Amino acid sequence: MSYYLGVDIGSVSSNFVLVDEAANVVGKIYMRTEGNPVKAVKEGYKQVMEGIDDEQIIGVGTTGSGRHLADIILGADVVKNEITAHAVAASSFYPDVRTIIEIGGQDSKMIILQDAIVSDFAMNTVCAAGTGSFLDQQASRLNILIQDFGPTALKSKQAVRIAGRCGVFAESDMIHKQQMGYPIEDILMGLCEALVRNYLNNVGKGKKIETPVIFQGGVAANAGLKKAFEKILQMEIKVPPYYDVMGALGAAILAREYIEQYRRATVFKGDSFIIDGQFHSRSFECKGCPNMCEVVCIKRDQEVLAYWGDRCKTWETSIGHQEVI
């Protein structure tokens, strides 16, 4: 059997998906990045490849905020942004999808499609309200496991009104409602509805939301948030089977399409490069001009693999340049 590997490295989670030549998912890993994307790439790769020989990988795609880093370590045939990857993955399950709601750990997105092609999108990377990390924080404060958040919210009979325009105000309002004695399930459902209003007012502002609507990203596991979206939008919300790793799945599908279309051999680097090497990064301030760019250097053992962060691309395009101490 031959497989395609898709990797999505985000600020909160790192996801890995293996698909076969018919684009069927044969393995997936969802793990926390924990502030160390280099380690996450190596650990996630080892887990998803358990029992599979690296020679069976015939294509690799990367996406997410750490897609270029994953490309350097793994050797990717396709490097795509999250919008494209999520749209491709959603379309593979729902060819007629029109609206994608994607909420991750640190940001949220809305993608509008027409005939399986992205026609519009919006992202929110500024406000924490509505993201997975905010939900994690509130669940921890309430001494509730994050996996119990949704089921508890679904028990609500009457959601309380929570101010959701800002994460700080939402938390203050929740504390106030707790002190007044409202049931915890009503507070949680109120928070879900507040986060949905925040999302629609910020990310969905000016967007025409049409069915079918697909909800994906790690936060799609929260059944309370799905119910809140359906209540406020008055639409059915569908959650795909691999909602938590859709970015990685999209990257794998794109790698498959690329390899099959262009009939090229993969540039995947294999176990000997990925597992046996010691990867590390360091940053330095380039003093070559008044921009004073903060440049990141990625090395395997003592070999420089890549530079990035310099506006003029002097370092990025000069691998082998004497490194600044």
Protein backbone atom coordinates (compact mmCIF):
# COMPACT_ATOMS: atom_id res chain seq x y z
CA MET A 1 0.00 0.00 0.00
CA SER A 2 1.06 3.58 -0.70
CA TYR A 3 0.02 6.55 1.41
CA TYR A 4 -0.12 10.34 1.41
CA LEU A 5 0.76 12.24 4.57
CA GLY A 6 -0.98 15.49 5.55
CA VAL A 7 0.38 17.65 8.38
CA ASP A 8 -1.27 20.68 9.99
CA ILE A 9 0.93 22.47 12.52
CA GLY A 10 -0.99 25.08 14.51
CA SER A 11 -0.27 27.19 17.56
CA VAL A 12 -2.36 24.94 19.84
CA SER A 13 -2.67 21.58 18.06
CA SER A 14 -0.65 19.59 15.54
CA ASN A 15 -2.53 17.14 13.35
CA PHE A 16 -1.35 14.30 11.13
CA VAL A 17 -3.40 12.27 8.65
CA LEU A 18 -2.52 9.34 6.41
CA VAL A 19 -4.74 8.61 3.41
CA ASP A 20 -4.48 5.80 0.90
CA GLU A 21 -4.50 6.18 -2.88
CA ALA A 22 -8.31 6.39 -2.84
CA ALA A 23 -8.16 9.26 -0.29
CA ASN A 24 -9.54 7.08 2.53
CA VAL A 25 -8.25 7.99 5.98
CA VAL A 26 -6.15 5.15 7.39
CA GLY A 27 -4.57 6.96 10.34
CA LYS A 28 -4.80 10.24 12.23
CA ILE A 29 -3.12 11.92 15.18
CA TYR A 30 -4.39 14.97 17.08
CA MET A 31 -1.91 16.30 19.61
CA ARG A 32 -1.00 19.49 21.43
CA THR A 33 1.81 21.59 19.97
CA GLU A 34 2.76 22.73 23.51
CA GLY A 35 4.79 25.65 22.20
CA ASN A 36 7.34 23.41 20.48
CA PRO A 37 6.39 22.82 16.82
CA VAL A 38 9.71 21.13 15.97
CA LYS A 39 9.13 18.49 18.65
CA ALA A 40 5.46 18.19 17.63
CA VAL A 41 6.40 17.45 14.01
CA LYS A 42 8.80 14.68 15.02
CA GLU A 43 6.55 13.13 17.68
CA GLY A 44 3.39 13.31 15.55
CA TYR A 45 5.21 11.82 12.58
CA LYS A 46 6.50 8.88 14.62
CA GLN A 47 3.02 8.19 16.01
CA VAL A 48 1.12 8.33 12.74
CA MET A 49 3.77 6.22 10.97
CA GLU A 50 3.67 3.40 13.52
CA GLY A 51 3.64 0.11 11.60
CA ILE A 52 4.19 1.84 8.24
CA ASP A 53 7.45 1.96 6.30
CA ASP A 54 8.57 5.38 5.16
CA GLU A 55 9.00 4.04 1.62
CA GLN A 56 5.21 3.72 1.45
CA ILE A 57 4.82 7.52 1.61
CA ILE A 58 4.49 8.82 -1.95
CA GLY A 59 3.34 12.38 -1.20
CA VAL A 60 3.36 14.91 1.66
CA GLY A 61 1.35 18.10 2.18
CA THR A 62 1.68 20.66 4.98
CA THR A 63 -0.55 23.46 6.20
CA GLY A 64 -1.16 25.60 9.29
CA SER A 65 0.86 28.41 10.80
CA GLY A 66 3.86 26.06 11.04
CA ARG A 67 3.54 24.68 7.52
CA HIS A 68 6.92 25.99 6.35
CA LEU A 69 8.66 24.54 9.38
CA ALA A 70 7.00 21.16 8.74
CA ASP A 71 8.07 21.41 5.10
CA ILE A 72 11.70 21.92 6.11
CA ILE A 73 11.68 18.91 8.46
CA LEU A 74 9.57 16.46 6.43
CA GLY A 75 10.07 17.48 2.83
CA ALA A 76 6.65 18.49 1.50
CA ASP A 77 5.43 18.27 -2.08
CA VAL A 78 2.63 20.76 -1.38
CA VAL A 79 2.58 23.65 1.12
CA LYS A 80 -0.84 25.33 1.35
CA ASN A 81 -2.60 27.83 3.62
CA GLU A 82 -5.31 26.75 6.04
CA ILE A 83 -8.16 28.24 3.99
CA THR A 84 -7.40 26.05 0.98
CA ALA A 85 -6.75 22.93 3.05
CA HIS A 86 -9.97 23.19 5.06
CA ALA A 87 -12.04 23.91 1.95
CA VAL A 88 -10.62 20.88 0.11
CA ALA A 89 -11.24 18.58 3.09
CA ALA A 90 -14.82 19.78 3.60
CA SER A 91 -15.58 19.40 -0.11
CA SER A 92 -14.35 15.81 -0.02
CA PHE A 93 -17.17 14.94 2.41
CA TYR A 94 -19.79 17.45 1.26
CA PRO A 95 -19.26 18.37 -2.44
CA ASP A 96 -22.09 20.92 -2.25
CA VAL A 97 -20.80 22.72 0.87
CA ARG A 98 -21.41 26.49 0.78
CA THR A 99 -20.26 27.68 4.21
CA ILE A 100 -17.47 26.39 6.46
CA ILE A 101 -17.27 27.44 10.10
CA GLU A 102 -13.81 26.60 11.40
CA ILE A 103 -12.85 27.33 14.99
CA GLY A 104 -9.46 26.28 16.29
CA GLY A 105 -7.39 26.86 19.38
CA GLN A 106 -6.20 30.38 18.62
CA ASP A 107 -8.26 31.68 15.71
CA SER A 108 -11.49 31.21 13.83
CA LYS A 109 -12.40 31.32 10.16
CA MET A 110 -15.39 31.44 7.86
CA ILE A 111 -15.00 30.13 4.31
CA ILE A 112 -17.60 30.70 1.61
CA LEU A 113 -17.58 28.36 -1.38
CA GLN A 114 -19.28 28.31 -4.75
CA ASP A 115 -19.03 25.15 -6.84
CA ALA A 116 -16.33 23.79 -4.49
CA ILE A 117 -14.16 26.90 -5.04
CA VAL A 118 -13.38 29.43 -2.30
CA SER A 119 -15.13 32.69 -3.19
CA ASP A 120 -14.70 34.55 0.11
CA PHE A 121 -13.26 34.06 3.58
CA ALA A 122 -12.63 35.88 6.83
CA MET A 123 -10.36 35.21 9.80
CA ASN A 124 -10.28 36.41 13.38
CA THR A 125 -6.84 36.28 14.97
CA VAL A 126 -7.33 39.19 17.38
CA CYS A 127 -10.05 38.34 19.91
CA ALA A 128 -9.72 35.27 22.14
CA ALA A 129 -13.47 34.96 22.68
CA GLY A 130 -14.80 32.04 20.65
CA THR A 131 -11.55 30.12 20.36
CA GLY A 132 -10.67 26.75 21.82
CA SER A 133 -8.14 28.20 24.23
CA PHE A 134 -10.81 30.47 25.75
CA LEU A 135 -13.16 27.50 26.21
CA ASP A 136 -10.32 25.51 27.78
CA GLN A 137 -9.65 28.37 30.18
CA GLN A 138 -13.30 28.68 31.25
CA ALA A 139 -13.73 24.93 31.66
CA SER A 140 -10.63 24.85 33.89
CA ARG A 141 -11.91 27.80 35.94
CA LEU A 142 -15.23 26.01 36.47
CA ASN A 143 -13.43 22.75 37.31
CA ILE A 144 -15.03 20.98 34.33
CA LEU A 145 -13.22 18.71 31.91
CA ILE A 146 -13.28 20.24 28.44
CA GLN A 147 -14.86 17.05 27.06
CA ASP A 148 -17.74 17.51 29.52
CA PHE A 149 -18.36 21.15 28.49
CA GLY A 150 -20.73 20.35 25.61
CA PRO A 151 -22.78 17.59 27.28
CA THR A 152 -23.24 19.77 30.37
CA ALA A 153 -24.37 22.75 28.27
CA LEU A 154 -26.94 20.56 26.48
CA LYS A 155 -28.69 19.97 29.82
CA SER A 156 -29.63 23.66 29.97
CA LYS A 157 -33.33 24.56 30.07
CA GLN A 158 -32.80 28.32 29.79
CA ALA A 159 -29.50 29.80 28.67
CA VAL A 160 -28.50 32.94 30.55
CA ARG A 161 -27.40 36.03 28.66
CA ILE A 162 -23.59 36.37 28.65
CA ALA A 163 -21.77 39.36 27.18
CA GLY A 164 -19.64 37.83 24.44
CA ARG A 165 -18.17 40.78 22.59
CA CYS A 166 -14.92 40.43 24.51
CA GLY A 167 -13.34 37.47 26.28
CA VAL A 168 -12.59 39.54 29.39
CA PHE A 169 -16.19 40.80 29.63
CA ALA A 170 -17.54 37.28 29.02
CA GLU A 171 -15.53 35.88 31.93
CA SER A 172 -16.61 38.73 34.22
CA ASP A 173 -20.25 38.18 33.25
CA MET A 174 -19.96 34.43 33.90
CA ILE A 175 -18.54 35.07 37.37
CA HIS A 176 -21.39 37.49 38.09
CA LYS A 177 -24.00 34.93 36.97
CA GLN A 178 -22.37 32.26 39.14
CA GLN A 179 -22.51 34.54 42.16
CA MET A 180 -26.22 35.10 41.51
CA GLY A 181 -26.80 31.35 41.65
CA TYR A 182 -27.62 30.47 38.04
CA PRO A 183 -27.20 26.74 37.21
CA ILE A 184 -23.85 25.89 35.70
CA GLU A 185 -25.45 24.28 32.62
CA ASP A 186 -27.39 27.50 31.88
CA ILE A 187 -24.20 29.54 32.21
CA LEU A 188 -22.31 27.21 29.86
CA MET A 189 -25.04 27.32 27.23
CA GLY A 190 -25.20 31.08 27.63
CA LEU A 191 -21.46 31.20 26.97
CA CYS A 192 -21.90 29.04 23.86
CA GLU A 193 -24.52 31.41 22.50
CA ALA A 194 -22.37 34.43 23.36
CA LEU A 195 -19.43 32.95 21.48
CA VAL A 196 -21.61 32.24 18.45
CA ARG A 197 -22.82 35.86 18.42
CA ASN A 198 -19.20 37.03 18.74
CA TYR A 199 -18.19 34.83 15.80
CA LEU A 200 -21.06 35.95 13.57
CA ASN A 201 -20.56 39.64 14.39
CA ASN A 202 -16.80 39.58 13.82
CA VAL A 203 -15.92 36.77 11.41
CA GLY A 204 -19.29 36.42 9.69
CA LYS A 205 -20.01 40.13 9.34
CA GLY A 206 -21.13 40.91 5.80
CA LYS A 207 -21.07 37.23 4.78
CA LYS A 208 -24.07 35.47 3.27
CA ILE A 209 -24.32 32.19 5.17
CA GLU A 210 -25.96 29.50 3.06
CA THR A 211 -26.54 25.78 3.58
CA PRO A 212 -25.00 23.28 3.68
CA VAL A 213 -23.03 24.66 6.65
CA ILE A 214 -20.09 22.61 7.90
CA PHE A 215 -18.61 23.07 11.39
CA GLN A 216 -15.02 21.86 11.79
CA GLY A 217 -11.91 22.45 13.85
CA GLY A 218 -11.22 21.17 17.35
CA VAL A 219 -14.06 23.24 18.86
CA ALA A 220 -16.59 21.33 16.71
CA ALA A 221 -16.36 18.61 19.38
CA ASN A 222 -18.40 20.91 21.64
CA ALA A 223 -22.01 19.84 21.13
CA GLY A 224 -23.23 22.91 23.02
CA LEU A 225 -21.61 25.24 20.49
CA LYS A 226 -23.10 23.29 17.57
CA LYS A 227 -26.57 23.60 19.12
CA ALA A 228 -26.02 27.34 19.68
CA PHE A 229 -25.08 27.83 16.01
CA GLU A 230 -28.21 25.95 14.91
CA LYS A 231 -30.41 27.99 17.26
CA ILE A 232 -29.08 31.38 16.19
CA LEU A 233 -28.67 30.65 12.45
CA GLN A 234 -31.87 28.58 12.25
CA MET A 235 -29.98 26.15 10.03
CA GLU A 236 -28.77 22.58 10.23
CA ILE A 237 -25.05 22.41 11.10
CA LYS A 238 -23.10 19.36 9.92
CA VAL A 239 -19.95 18.11 11.63
CA PRO A 240 -17.71 15.92 9.43
CA PRO A 241 -16.23 12.63 10.74
CA TYR A 242 -12.67 13.99 11.00
CA TYR A 243 -13.63 17.49 12.14
CA ASP A 244 -10.55 17.84 14.37
CA VAL A 245 -7.95 17.10 11.66
CA MET A 246 -9.58 18.58 8.56
CA GLY A 247 -6.60 20.83 7.82
CA ALA A 248 -4.22 17.86 7.74
CA LEU A 249 -6.72 15.84 5.70
CA GLY A 250 -6.96 18.65 3.16
CA ALA A 251 -3.16 18.81 2.94
CA ALA A 252 -2.99 15.05 2.29
CA ILE A 253 -5.65 15.27 -0.44
CA LEU A 254 -3.81 18.19 -2.09
CA ALA A 255 -0.56 16.20 -2.03
CA ARG A 256 -2.36 13.28 -3.68
CA GLU A 257 -3.81 15.52 -6.40
CA TYR A 258 -0.42 17.10 -7.06
CA ILE A 259 1.51 13.83 -7.32
CA GLU A 260 -1.14 12.22 -9.54
CA GLN A 261 -1.51 15.25 -11.79
CA TYR A 262 2.17 15.97 -12.38
CA ARG A 263 3.47 12.38 -12.05
CA ARG A 264 6.39 13.52 -9.93
CA ALA A 265 8.35 11.62 -7.34
CA THR A 266 7.91 12.87 -3.79
CA VAL A 267 10.57 15.00 -2.09
CA PHE A 268 9.68 13.41 1.26
CA LYS A 269 12.90 13.07 3.31
CA GLY A 270 12.15 9.81 5.13
CA ASP A 271 12.91 8.36 8.56
CA SER A 272 16.68 8.69 8.38
CA PHE A 273 16.42 12.45 8.00
CA ILE A 274 13.41 13.11 10.26
CA ILE A 275 13.91 10.75 13.18
CA ASP A 276 17.68 10.40 13.34
CA GLY A 277 18.47 14.12 13.13
CA GLN A 278 18.36 16.64 15.97
CA PHE A 279 16.44 19.72 14.91
CA HIS A 280 16.63 23.02 16.74
CA SER A 281 15.97 26.67 16.06
CA ARG A 282 17.43 29.97 17.18
CA SER A 283 16.72 33.60 16.39
CA PHE A 284 18.98 36.59 15.92
CA GLU A 285 18.63 40.22 14.94
CA CYS A 286 20.05 41.02 11.52
CA LYS A 287 22.00 44.27 11.57
CA GLY A 288 22.46 44.49 7.81
CA CYS A 289 20.06 47.41 7.42
CA PRO A 290 17.78 49.71 9.51
CA ASN A 291 14.94 47.13 9.39
CA MET A 292 16.72 45.13 12.14
CA CYS A 293 14.76 41.98 11.18
CA GLU A 294 14.37 39.15 13.67
CA VAL A 295 15.55 36.13 11.70
CA VAL A 296 14.82 32.50 12.62
CA CYS A 297 17.37 29.83 11.77
CA ILE A 298 16.38 26.15 11.58
CA LYS A 299 19.21 23.63 11.84
CA ARG A 300 19.52 19.85 11.70
CA ASP A 301 22.52 18.91 13.79
CA GLN A 302 25.00 21.55 12.54
CA GLU A 303 23.49 21.97 9.06
CA VAL A 304 21.43 25.11 8.39
CA LEU A 305 18.18 24.11 6.69
CA ALA A 306 16.38 27.43 6.44
CA TYR A 307 16.21 31.07 7.44
CA TRP A 308 13.09 33.17 7.51
CA GLY A 309 11.82 36.43 8.93
CA ASP A 310 14.11 38.74 6.94
CA ARG A 311 12.16 41.22 4.82
CA CYS A 312 14.79 41.50 2.11
CA LYS A 313 15.22 37.68 1.92
CA THR A 314 19.02 38.01 2.18
CA TRP A 315 19.27 35.18 4.68
CA GLU A 316 16.34 33.17 3.36
CA THR A 317 17.89 32.89 -0.09
CA SER A 318 21.46 32.28 1.06
CA ILE A 319 21.62 28.89 2.74
CA GLY A 320 25.26 28.32 3.52
CA HIS A 321 25.80 31.99 4.49
CA GLN A 322 28.01 32.27 7.55
CA GLU A 323 25.61 32.31 10.53
CA VAL A 324 25.64 35.38 12.76
CA ILE A 325 26.79 34.57 16.29
